Amino acid sequence: NTTVSLNSQNLSFPQLRVQQLEEELQSFMYVQSENNQLRKFCIALKAEYDQTQSLLVCREDALSMSIKSHDEALRENQKLRGQIDVIEEREKRKLASLQR
């Protein structure tokens, strides 16, 4: 507040007080403006965060479905492999029986 002290020689107390209050008001308005900008930025970040979370949930669901499908296909493959082994064994016995 060097401007206040320099000008204080020429200003009366009420004038000086008005000048100080105007400076405080300007400072307050600047802080308020900055707060508003930060609020807007926070809202934008929150929206981006929510969108990212939603996308993450979708990807997790897709991954879960993919894993379930893979596991189901693996079980089916093992079941078919078992059936093939049984059929092959039966055919070997038939062939051995015919060769006797």
PDB file of N, CA and C in Angstrom:
ATOM      1  N   ASN A   1       0.816  -1.190   0.000  1.00  0.00           N
ATOM      2  CA  ASN A   1       0.000   0.000   0.000  1.00  0.00           C
ATOM      3  C   ASN A   1       0.861   1.256   0.000  1.00  0.00           C
ATOM      4  N   THR A   2       1.902   1.260  -0.790  1.00  0.00           N
ATOM      5  CA  THR A   2       2.767   2.445  -0.880  1.00  0.00           C
ATOM      6  C   THR A   2       2.021   3.591  -1.525  1.00  0.00           C
ATOM      7  N   THR A   3       1.115   3.287  -2.464  1.00  0.00           N
ATOM      8  CA  THR A   3       0.345   4.372  -3.080  1.00  0.00           C
ATOM      9  C   THR A   3      -0.564   5.030  -2.054  1.00  0.00           C
ATOM     10  N   VAL A   4      -1.077   4.236  -1.156  1.00  0.00           N
ATOM     11  CA  VAL A   4      -1.941   4.789  -0.114  1.00  0.00           C
ATOM     12  C   VAL A   4      -1.133   5.704   0.793  1.00  0.00           C
ATOM     13  N   SER A   5       0.031   5.255   1.201  1.00  0.00           N
ATOM     14  CA  SER A   5       0.832   6.072   2.115  1.00  0.00           C
ATOM     15  C   SER A   5       1.367   7.322   1.425  1.00  0.00           C
ATOM     16  N   LEU A   6       1.690   7.229   0.127  1.00  0.00           N
ATOM     17  CA  LEU A   6       2.164   8.410  -0.586  1.00  0.00           C
ATOM     18  C   LEU A   6       1.044   9.427  -0.765  1.00  0.00           C
ATOM     19  N   ASN A   7      -0.131   8.919  -1.066  1.00  0.00           N
ATOM     20  CA  ASN A   7      -1.270   9.813  -1.281  1.00  0.00           C
ATOM     21  C   ASN A   7      -1.902  10.268   0.025  1.00  0.00           C
ATOM     22  N   SER A   8      -1.573   9.614   1.106  1.00  0.00           N
ATOM     23  CA  SER A   8      -2.208   9.931   2.386  1.00  0.00           C
ATOM     24  C   SER A   8      -1.879  11.346   2.845  1.00  0.00           C
ATOM     25  N   GLN A   9      -0.796  11.907   2.351  1.00  0.00           N
ATOM     26  CA  GLN A   9      -0.441  13.268   2.743  1.00  0.00           C
ATOM     27  C   GLN A   9      -1.459  14.265   2.207  1.00  0.00           C
ATOM     28  N   ASN A  10      -2.041  13.937   1.046  1.00  0.00           N
ATOM     29  CA  ASN A  10      -2.976  14.866   0.410  1.00  0.00           C
ATOM     30  C   ASN A  10      -4.441  14.520   0.696  1.00  0.00           C
ATOM     31  N   LEU A  11      -4.713  13.361   1.301  1.00  0.00           N
ATOM     32  CA  LEU A  11      -6.086  12.915   1.507  1.00  0.00           C
ATOM     33  C   LEU A  11      -6.479  13.014   2.974  1.00  0.00           C
ATOM     34  N   SER A  12      -7.744  13.306   3.188  1.00  0.00           N
ATOM     35  CA  SER A  12      -8.268  13.295   4.556  1.00  0.00           C
ATOM     36  C   SER A  12      -8.515  11.845   4.963  1.00  0.00           C
ATOM     37  N   PHE A  13      -8.775  11.637   6.232  1.00  0.00           N
ATOM     38  CA  PHE A  13      -8.987  10.274   6.729  1.00  0.00           C
ATOM     39  C   PHE A  13     -10.150   9.581   6.020  1.00  0.00           C
ATOM     40  N   PRO A  14     -11.306  10.235   5.869  1.00  0.00           N
ATOM     41  CA  PRO A  14     -12.407   9.552   5.168  1.00  0.00           C
ATOM     42  C   PRO A  14     -12.046   9.206   3.724  1.00  0.00           C
ATOM     43  N   GLN A  15     -11.343  10.109   3.058  1.00  0.00           N
ATOM     44  CA  GLN A  15     -10.936   9.830   1.678  1.00  0.00           C
ATOM     45  C   GLN A  15      -9.953   8.661   1.628  1.00  0.00           C
ATOM     46  N   LEU A  16      -9.043   8.656   2.582  1.00  0.00           N
ATOM     47  CA  LEU A  16      -8.068   7.569   2.660  1.00  0.00           C
ATOM     48  C   LEU A  16      -8.774   6.245   2.918  1.00  0.00           C
ATOM     49  N   ARG A  17      -9.753   6.281   3.807  1.00  0.00           N
ATOM     50  CA  ARG A  17     -10.511   5.057   4.132  1.00  0.00           C
ATOM     51  C   ARG A  17     -11.276   4.569   2.907  1.00  0.00           C
ATOM     52  N   VAL A  18     -11.871   5.484   2.147  1.00  0.00           N
ATOM     53  CA  VAL A  18     -12.594   5.116   0.921  1.00  0.00           C
ATOM     54  C   VAL A  18     -11.630   4.464  -0.063  1.00  0.00           C
ATOM     55  N   GLN A  19     -10.455   5.031  -0.201  1.00  0.00           N
ATOM     56  CA  GLN A  19      -9.459   4.479  -1.121  1.00  0.00           C
ATOM     57  C   GLN A  19      -9.043   3.069  -0.676  1.00  0.00           C
ATOM     58  N   GLN A  20      -8.829   2.895   0.620  1.00  0.00           N
ATOM     59  CA  GLN A  20      -8.462   1.571   1.131  1.00  0.00           C
ATOM     60  C   GLN A  20      -9.579   0.559   0.873  1.00  0.00           C
ATOM     61  N   LEU A  21     -10.807   0.984   1.119  1.00  0.00           N
ATOM     62  CA  LEU A  21     -11.949   0.083   0.898  1.00  0.00           C
ATOM     63  C   LEU A  21     -12.095  -0.276  -0.584  1.00  0.00           C
ATOM     64  N   GLU A  22     -11.845   0.699  -1.463  1.00  0.00           N
ATOM     65  CA  GLU A  22     -11.910   0.428  -2.903  1.00  0.00           C
ATOM     66  C   GLU A  22     -10.843  -0.594  -3.307  1.00  0.00           C
ATOM     67  N   GLU A  23      -9.646  -0.440  -2.733  1.00  0.00           N
ATOM     68  CA  GLU A  23      -8.574  -1.393  -3.031  1.00  0.00           C
ATOM     69  C   GLU A  23      -8.923  -2.785  -2.508  1.00  0.00           C
ATOM     70  N   GLU A  24      -9.501  -2.844  -1.312  1.00  0.00           N
ATOM     71  CA  GLU A  24      -9.914  -4.132  -0.759  1.00  0.00           C
ATOM     72  C   GLU A  24     -11.020  -4.756  -1.607  1.00  0.00           C
ATOM     73  N   LEU A  25     -11.934  -3.904  -2.077  1.00  0.00           N
ATOM     74  CA  LEU A  25     -13.021  -4.393  -2.923  1.00  0.00           C
ATOM     75  C   LEU A  25     -12.473  -4.953  -4.235  1.00  0.00           C
ATOM     76  N   GLN A  26     -11.511  -4.263  -4.821  1.00  0.00           N
ATOM     77  CA  GLN A  26     -10.886  -4.759  -6.055  1.00  0.00           C
ATOM     78  C   GLN A  26     -10.213  -6.103  -5.812  1.00  0.00           C
ATOM     79  N   SER A  27      -9.510  -6.192  -4.711  1.00  0.00           N
ATOM     80  CA  SER A  27      -8.840  -7.446  -4.363  1.00  0.00           C
ATOM     81  C   SER A  27      -9.868  -8.557  -4.167  1.00  0.00           C
ATOM     82  N   PHE A  28     -10.950  -8.239  -3.468  1.00  0.00           N
ATOM     83  CA  PHE A  28     -12.017  -9.215  -3.244  1.00  0.00           C
ATOM     84  C   PHE A  28     -12.630  -9.658  -4.569  1.00  0.00           C
ATOM     85  N   MET A  29     -12.880  -8.713  -5.460  1.00  0.00           N
ATOM     86  CA  MET A  29     -13.471  -9.045  -6.763  1.00  0.00           C
ATOM     87  C   MET A  29     -12.533  -9.941  -7.570  1.00  0.00           C
ATOM     88  N   TYR A  30     -11.234  -9.679  -7.485  1.00  0.00           N
ATOM     89  CA  TYR A  30     -10.261 -10.519  -8.182  1.00  0.00           C
ATOM     90  C   TYR A  30     -10.301 -11.946  -7.631  1.00  0.00           C
ATOM     91  N   VAL A  31     -10.312 -12.061  -6.308  1.00  0.00           N
ATOM     92  CA  VAL A  31     -10.351 -13.380  -5.669  1.00  0.00           C
ATOM     93  C   VAL A  31     -11.654 -14.092  -6.021  1.00  0.00           C
ATOM     94  N   GLN A  32     -12.750 -13.350  -6.007  1.00  0.00           N
ATOM     95  CA  GLN A  32     -14.048 -13.945  -6.344  1.00  0.00           C
ATOM     96  C   GLN A  32     -14.054 -14.439  -7.795  1.00  0.00           C
ATOM     97  N   SER A  33     -13.488 -13.658  -8.684  1.00  0.00           N
ATOM     98  CA  SER A  33     -13.402 -14.053 -10.092  1.00  0.00           C
ATOM     99  C   SER A  33     -12.559 -15.319 -10.244  1.00  0.00           C
ATOM    100  N   GLU A  34     -11.454 -15.355  -9.536  1.00  0.00           N
ATOM    101  CA  GLU A  34     -10.591 -16.537  -9.591  1.00  0.00           C
ATOM    102  C   GLU A  34     -11.309 -17.762  -9.016  1.00  0.00           C
ATOM    103  N   ASN A  35     -12.051 -17.571  -7.932  1.00  0.00           N
ATOM    104  CA  ASN A  35     -12.833 -18.670  -7.349  1.00  0.00           C
ATOM    105  C   ASN A  35     -13.863 -19.196  -8.342  1.00  0.00           C
ATOM    106  N   ASN A  36     -14.523 -18.279  -9.051  1.00  0.00           N
ATOM    107  CA  ASN A  36     -15.503 -18.698 -10.050  1.00  0.00           C
ATOM    108  C   ASN A  36     -14.844 -19.513 -11.158  1.00  0.00           C
ATOM    109  N   GLN A  37     -13.680 -19.079 -11.598  1.00  0.00           N
ATOM    110  CA  GLN A  37     -12.954 -19.827 -12.632  1.00  0.00           C
ATOM    111  C   GLN A  37     -12.564 -21.210 -12.117  1.00  0.00           C
ATOM    112  N   LEU A  38     -12.115 -21.276 -10.872  1.00  0.00           N
ATOM    113  CA  LEU A  38     -11.743 -22.569 -10.290  1.00  0.00           C
ATOM    114  C   LEU A  38     -12.956 -23.485 -10.144  1.00  0.00           C
ATOM    115  N   ARG A  39     -14.099 -22.913  -9.785  1.00  0.00           N
ATOM    116  CA  ARG A  39     -15.332 -23.715  -9.690  1.00  0.00           C
ATOM    117  C   ARG A  39     -15.683 -24.307 -11.053  1.00  0.00           C
ATOM    118  N   LYS A  40     -15.620 -23.473 -12.098  1.00  0.00           N
ATOM    119  CA  LYS A  40     -15.916 -23.951 -13.452  1.00  0.00           C
ATOM    120  C   LYS A  40     -14.939 -25.049 -13.853  1.00  0.00           C
ATOM    121  N   PHE A  41     -13.678 -24.856 -13.520  1.00  0.00           N
ATOM    122  CA  PHE A  41     -12.655 -25.855 -13.839  1.00  0.00           C
ATOM    123  C   PHE A  41     -12.942 -27.160 -13.097  1.00  0.00           C
ATOM    124  N   CYS A  42     -13.328 -27.052 -11.824  1.00  0.00           N
ATOM    125  CA  CYS A  42     -13.662 -28.250 -11.035  1.00  0.00           C
ATOM    126  C   CYS A  42     -14.868 -28.974 -11.616  1.00  0.00           C
ATOM    127  N   ILE A  43     -15.864 -28.228 -12.050  1.00  0.00           N
ATOM    128  CA  ILE A  43     -17.051 -28.838 -12.659  1.00  0.00           C
ATOM    129  C   ILE A  43     -16.664 -29.571 -13.939  1.00  0.00           C
ATOM    130  N   ALA A  44     -15.809 -28.939 -14.751  1.00  0.00           N
ATOM    131  CA  ALA A  44     -15.360 -29.584 -15.990  1.00  0.00           C
ATOM    132  C   ALA A  44     -14.554 -30.845 -15.680  1.00  0.00           C
ATOM    133  N   LEU A  45     -13.682 -30.769 -14.675  1.00  0.00           N
ATOM    134  CA  LEU A  45     -12.900 -31.949 -14.289  1.00  0.00           C
ATOM    135  C   LEU A  45     -13.800 -33.061 -13.777  1.00  0.00           C
ATOM    136  N   LYS A  46     -14.814 -32.700 -13.002  1.00  0.00           N
ATOM    137  CA  LYS A  46     -15.756 -33.695 -12.469  1.00  0.00           C
ATOM    138  C   LYS A  46     -16.500 -34.379 -13.612  1.00  0.00           C
ATOM    139  N   ALA A  47     -16.925 -33.604 -14.596  1.00  0.00           N
ATOM    140  CA  ALA A  47     -17.624 -34.179 -15.751  1.00  0.00           C
ATOM    141  C   ALA A  47     -16.704 -35.135 -16.503  1.00  0.00           C
ATOM    142  N   GLU A  48     -15.454 -34.732 -16.681  1.00  0.00           N
ATOM    143  CA  GLU A  48     -14.482 -35.592 -17.364  1.00  0.00           C
ATOM    144  C   GLU A  48     -14.216 -36.856 -16.546  1.00  0.00           C
ATOM    145  N   TYR A  49     -14.120 -36.709 -15.239  1.00  0.00           N
ATOM    146  CA  TYR A  49     -13.906 -37.856 -14.352  1.00  0.00           C
ATOM    147  C   TYR A  49     -15.087 -38.825 -14.439  1.00  0.00           C
ATOM    148  N   ASP A  50     -16.308 -38.281 -14.385  1.00  0.00           N
ATOM    149  CA  ASP A  50     -17.502 -39.124 -14.464  1.00  0.00           C
ATOM    150  C   ASP A  50     -17.560 -39.873 -15.795  1.00  0.00           C
ATOM    151  N   GLN A  51     -17.208 -39.176 -16.871  1.00  0.00           N
ATOM    152  CA  GLN A  51     -17.207 -39.811 -18.193  1.00  0.00           C
ATOM    153  C   GLN A  51     -16.167 -40.929 -18.245  1.00  0.00           C
ATOM    154  N   THR A  52     -14.995 -40.684 -17.683  1.00  0.00           N
ATOM    155  CA  THR A  52     -13.936 -41.694 -17.656  1.00  0.00           C
ATOM    156  C   THR A  52     -14.354 -42.886 -16.805  1.00  0.00           C
ATOM    157  N   GLN A  53     -14.993 -42.614 -15.666  1.00  0.00           N
ATOM    158  CA  GLN A  53     -15.474 -43.702 -14.808  1.00  0.00           C
ATOM    159  C   GLN A  53     -16.503 -44.556 -15.543  1.00  0.00           C
ATOM    160  N   SER A  54     -17.404 -43.907 -16.266  1.00  0.00           N
ATOM    161  CA  SER A  54     -18.434 -44.620 -17.023  1.00  0.00           C
ATOM    162  C   SER A  54     -17.792 -45.505 -18.089  1.00  0.00           C
ATOM    163  N   LEU A  55     -16.810 -44.955 -18.778  1.00  0.00           N
ATOM    164  CA  LEU A  55     -16.094 -45.722 -19.796  1.00  0.00           C
ATOM    165  C   LEU A  55     -15.368 -46.900 -19.166  1.00  0.00           C
ATOM    166  N   LEU A  56     -14.781 -46.683 -18.012  1.00  0.00           N
ATOM    167  CA  LEU A  56     -14.075 -47.752 -17.304  1.00  0.00           C
ATOM    168  C   LEU A  56     -15.037 -48.873 -16.928  1.00  0.00           C
ATOM    169  N   VAL A  57     -16.214 -48.516 -16.440  1.00  0.00           N
ATOM    170  CA  VAL A  57     -17.218 -49.527 -16.077  1.00  0.00           C
ATOM    171  C   VAL A  57     -17.613 -50.335 -17.315  1.00  0.00           C
ATOM    172  N   CYS A  58     -17.820 -49.647 -18.434  1.00  0.00           N
ATOM    173  CA  CYS A  58     -18.174 -50.355 -19.679  1.00  0.00           C
ATOM    174  C   CYS A  58     -17.066 -51.317 -20.086  1.00  0.00           C
ATOM    175  N   ARG A  59     -15.832 -50.868 -19.992  1.00  0.00           N
ATOM    176  CA  ARG A  59     -14.706 -51.732 -20.372  1.00  0.00           C
ATOM    177  C   ARG A  59     -14.558 -52.903 -19.408  1.00  0.00           C
ATOM    178  N   GLU A  60     -14.792 -52.661 -18.128  1.00  0.00           N
ATOM    179  CA  GLU A  60     -14.730 -53.754 -17.154  1.00  0.00           C
ATOM    180  C   GLU A  60     -15.819 -54.781 -17.441  1.00  0.00           C
ATOM    181  N   ASP A  61     -17.015 -54.301 -17.791  1.00  0.00           N
ATOM    182  CA  ASP A  61     -18.110 -55.213 -18.139  1.00  0.00           C
ATOM    183  C   ASP A  61     -17.757 -56.028 -19.381  1.00  0.00           C
ATOM    184  N   ALA A  62     -17.194 -55.360 -20.383  1.00  0.00           N
ATOM    185  CA  ALA A  62     -16.805 -56.062 -21.610  1.00  0.00           C
ATOM    186  C   ALA A  62     -15.729 -57.103 -21.311  1.00  0.00           C
ATOM    187  N   LEU A  63     -14.778 -56.750 -20.471  1.00  0.00           N
ATOM    188  CA  LEU A  63     -13.720 -57.694 -20.101  1.00  0.00           C
ATOM    189  C   LEU A  63     -14.307 -58.887 -19.358  1.00  0.00           C
ATOM    190  N   SER A  64     -15.216 -58.623 -18.449  1.00  0.00           N
ATOM    191  CA  SER A  64     -15.856 -59.693 -17.689  1.00  0.00           C
ATOM    192  C   SER A  64     -16.614 -60.635 -18.620  1.00  0.00           C
ATOM    193  N   MET A  65     -17.355 -60.074 -19.569  1.00  0.00           N
ATOM    194  CA  MET A  65     -18.087 -60.906 -20.530  1.00  0.00           C
ATOM    195  C   MET A  65     -17.122 -61.711 -21.387  1.00  0.00           C
ATOM    196  N   SER A  66     -16.026 -61.098 -21.774  1.00  0.00           N
ATOM    197  CA  SER A  66     -15.022 -61.783 -22.582  1.00  0.00           C
ATOM    198  C   SER A  66     -14.414 -62.954 -21.816  1.00  0.00           C
ATOM    199  N   ILE A  67     -14.113 -62.741 -20.553  1.00  0.00           N
ATOM    200  CA  ILE A  67     -13.541 -63.809 -19.721  1.00  0.00           C
ATOM    201  C   ILE A  67     -14.546 -64.944 -19.557  1.00  0.00           C
ATOM    202  N   LYS A  68     -15.822 -64.592 -19.320  1.00  0.00           N
ATOM    203  CA  LYS A  68     -16.854 -65.624 -19.184  1.00  0.00           C
ATOM    204  C   LYS A  68     -16.987 -66.430 -20.472  1.00  0.00           C
ATOM    205  N   SER A  69     -16.985 -65.743 -21.613  1.00  0.00           N
ATOM    206  CA  SER A  69     -17.090 -66.436 -22.902  1.00  0.00           C
ATOM    207  C   SER A  69     -15.891 -67.346 -23.119  1.00  0.00           C
ATOM    208  N   HIS A  70     -14.714 -66.856 -22.780  1.00  0.00           N
ATOM    209  CA  HIS A  70     -13.498 -67.656 -22.925  1.00  0.00           C
ATOM    210  C   HIS A  70     -13.578 -68.905 -22.058  1.00  0.00           C
ATOM    211  N   ASP A  71     -13.982 -68.724 -20.802  1.00  0.00           N
ATOM    212  CA  ASP A  71     -14.090 -69.863 -19.883  1.00  0.00           C
ATOM    213  C   ASP A  71     -15.117 -70.876 -20.380  1.00  0.00           C
ATOM    214  N   GLU A  72     -16.239 -70.371 -20.885  1.00  0.00           N
ATOM    215  CA  GLU A  72     -17.280 -71.261 -21.404  1.00  0.00           C
ATOM    216  C   GLU A  72     -16.770 -72.034 -22.621  1.00  0.00           C
ATOM    217  N   ALA A  73     -16.081 -71.346 -23.518  1.00  0.00           N
ATOM    218  CA  ALA A  73     -15.522 -72.008 -24.701  1.00  0.00           C
ATOM    219  C   ALA A  73     -14.483 -73.046 -24.290  1.00  0.00           C
ATOM    220  N   LEU A  74     -13.688 -72.738 -23.291  1.00  0.00           N
ATOM    221  CA  LEU A  74     -12.679 -73.680 -22.806  1.00  0.00           C
ATOM    222  C   LEU A  74     -13.343 -74.929 -22.221  1.00  0.00           C
ATOM    223  N   ARG A  75     -14.390 -74.729 -21.428  1.00  0.00           N
ATOM    224  CA  ARG A  75     -15.117 -75.884 -20.867  1.00  0.00           C
ATOM    225  C   ARG A  75     -15.731 -76.738 -21.981  1.00  0.00           C
ATOM    226  N   GLU A  76     -16.319 -76.080 -22.964  1.00  0.00           N
ATOM    227  CA  GLU A  76     -16.916 -76.807 -24.092  1.00  0.00           C
ATOM    228  C   GLU A  76     -15.842 -77.573 -24.859  1.00  0.00           C
ATOM    229  N   ASN A  77     -14.703 -76.948 -25.047  1.00  0.00           N
ATOM    230  CA  ASN A  77     -13.582 -77.594 -25.736  1.00  0.00           C
ATOM    231  C   ASN A  77     -13.135 -78.840 -24.966  1.00  0.00           C
ATOM    232  N   GLN A  78     -13.006 -78.694 -23.652  1.00  0.00           N
ATOM    233  CA  GLN A  78     -12.589 -79.838 -22.830  1.00  0.00           C
ATOM    234  C   GLN A  78     -13.632 -80.953 -22.871  1.00  0.00           C
ATOM    235  N   LYS A  79     -14.899 -80.578 -22.862  1.00  0.00           N
ATOM    236  CA  LYS A  79     -15.976 -81.570 -22.943  1.00  0.00           C
ATOM    237  C   LYS A  79     -15.901 -82.325 -24.272  1.00  0.00           C
ATOM    238  N   LEU A  80     -15.741 -81.584 -25.362  1.00  0.00           N
ATOM    239  CA  LEU A  80     -15.644 -82.217 -26.682  1.00  0.00           C
ATOM    240  C   LEU A  80     -14.395 -83.081 -26.784  1.00  0.00           C
ATOM    241  N   ARG A  81     -13.298 -82.590 -26.211  1.00  0.00           N
ATOM    242  CA  ARG A  81     -12.049 -83.364 -26.220  1.00  0.00           C
ATOM    243  C   ARG A  81     -12.267 -84.690 -25.480  1.00  0.00           C
ATOM    244  N   GLY A  82     -12.970 -84.646 -24.368  1.00  0.00           N
ATOM    245  CA  GLY A  82     -13.280 -85.867 -23.616  1.00  0.00           C
ATOM    246  C   GLY A  82     -14.135 -86.815 -24.434  1.00  0.00           C
ATOM    247  N   GLN A  83     -15.134 -86.274 -25.131  1.00  0.00           N
ATOM    248  CA  GLN A  83     -15.995 -87.111 -25.970  1.00  0.00           C
ATOM    249  C   GLN A  83     -15.199 -87.743 -27.108  1.00  0.00           C
ATOM    250  N   ILE A  84     -14.307 -86.971 -27.707  1.00  0.00           N
ATOM    251  CA  ILE A  84     -13.458 -87.504 -28.786  1.00  0.00           C
ATOM    252  C   ILE A  84     -12.579 -88.619 -28.254  1.00  0.00           C
ATOM    253  N   ASP A  85     -11.995 -88.415 -27.075  1.00  0.00           N
ATOM    254  CA  ASP A  85     -11.141 -89.453 -26.477  1.00  0.00           C
ATOM    255  C   ASP A  85     -11.933 -90.740 -26.243  1.00  0.00           C
ATOM    256  N   VAL A  86     -13.169 -90.616 -25.754  1.00  0.00           N
ATOM    257  CA  VAL A  86     -14.017 -91.796 -25.518  1.00  0.00           C
ATOM    258  C   VAL A  86     -14.303 -92.507 -26.840  1.00  0.00           C
ATOM    259  N   ILE A  87     -14.655 -91.744 -27.864  1.00  0.00           N
ATOM    260  CA  ILE A  87     -14.952 -92.335 -29.176  1.00  0.00           C
ATOM    261  C   ILE A  87     -13.712 -93.008 -29.751  1.00  0.00           C
ATOM    262  N   GLU A  88     -12.557 -92.334 -29.650  1.00  0.00           N
ATOM    263  CA  GLU A  88     -11.318 -92.931 -30.167  1.00  0.00           C
ATOM    264  C   GLU A  88     -10.996 -94.232 -29.437  1.00  0.00           C
ATOM    265  N   GLU A  89     -11.175 -94.246 -28.136  1.00  0.00           N
ATOM    266  CA  GLU A  89     -10.907 -95.454 -27.347  1.00  0.00           C
ATOM    267  C   GLU A  89     -11.859 -96.575 -27.759  1.00  0.00           C
ATOM    268  N   ARG A  90     -13.113 -96.247 -27.968  1.00  0.00           N
ATOM    269  CA  ARG A  90     -14.102 -97.228 -28.397  1.00  0.00           C
ATOM    270  C   ARG A  90     -13.734 -97.794 -29.772  1.00  0.00           C
ATOM    271  N   GLU A  91     -13.305 -96.901 -30.661  1.00  0.00           N
ATOM    272  CA  GLU A  91     -12.915 -97.352 -32.005  1.00  0.00           C
ATOM    273  C   GLU A  91     -11.677 -98.248 -31.946  1.00  0.00           C
ATOM    274  N   LYS A  92     -10.736 -97.927 -31.065  1.00  0.00           N
ATOM    275  CA  LYS A  92      -9.538 -98.769 -30.913  1.00  0.00           C
ATOM    276  C   LYS A  92      -9.937-100.162 -30.436  1.00  0.00           C
ATOM    277  N   ARG A  93     -10.859-100.221 -29.482  1.00  0.00           N
ATOM    278  CA  ARG A  93     -11.312-101.526 -28.974  1.00  0.00           C
ATOM    279  C   ARG A  93     -12.035-102.324 -30.057  1.00  0.00           C
ATOM    280  N   LYS A  94     -12.856-101.623 -30.847  1.00  0.00           N
ATOM    281  CA  LYS A  94     -13.549-102.309 -31.942  1.00  0.00           C
ATOM    282  C   LYS A  94     -12.545-102.860 -32.943  1.00  0.00           C
ATOM    283  N   LEU A  95     -11.557-102.031 -33.265  1.00  0.00           N
ATOM    284  CA  LEU A  95     -10.538-102.438 -34.228  1.00  0.00           C
ATOM    285  C   LEU A  95      -9.740-103.617 -33.686  1.00  0.00           C
ATOM    286  N   ALA A  96      -9.370-103.553 -32.403  1.00  0.00           N
ATOM    287  CA  ALA A  96      -8.625-104.653 -31.779  1.00  0.00           C
ATOM    288  C   ALA A  96      -9.486-105.913 -31.756  1.00  0.00           C
ATOM    289  N   SER A  97     -10.760-105.751 -31.518  1.00  0.00           N
ATOM    290  CA  SER A  97     -11.683-106.887 -31.477  1.00  0.00           C
ATOM    291  C   SER A  97     -11.814-107.521 -32.854  1.00  0.00           C
ATOM    292  N   LEU A  98     -11.845-106.691 -33.889  1.00  0.00           N
ATOM    293  CA  LEU A  98     -11.966-107.208 -35.253  1.00  0.00           C
ATOM    294  C   LEU A  98     -10.683-107.894 -35.716  1.00  0.00           C
ATOM    295  N   GLN A  99      -9.550-107.444 -35.212  1.00  0.00           N
ATOM    296  CA  GLN A  99      -8.268-108.018 -35.628  1.00  0.00           C
ATOM    297  C   GLN A  99      -8.011-109.361 -34.975  1.00  0.00           C
ATOM    298  N   ARG A 100      -8.710-109.751 -33.959  1.00  0.00           N
ATOM    299  CA  ARG A 100      -8.495-111.036 -33.278  1.00  0.00           C
ATOM    300  C   ARG A 100      -9.077-112.140 -34.016  1.00  0.00           C
TER     301      ARG A 100
END
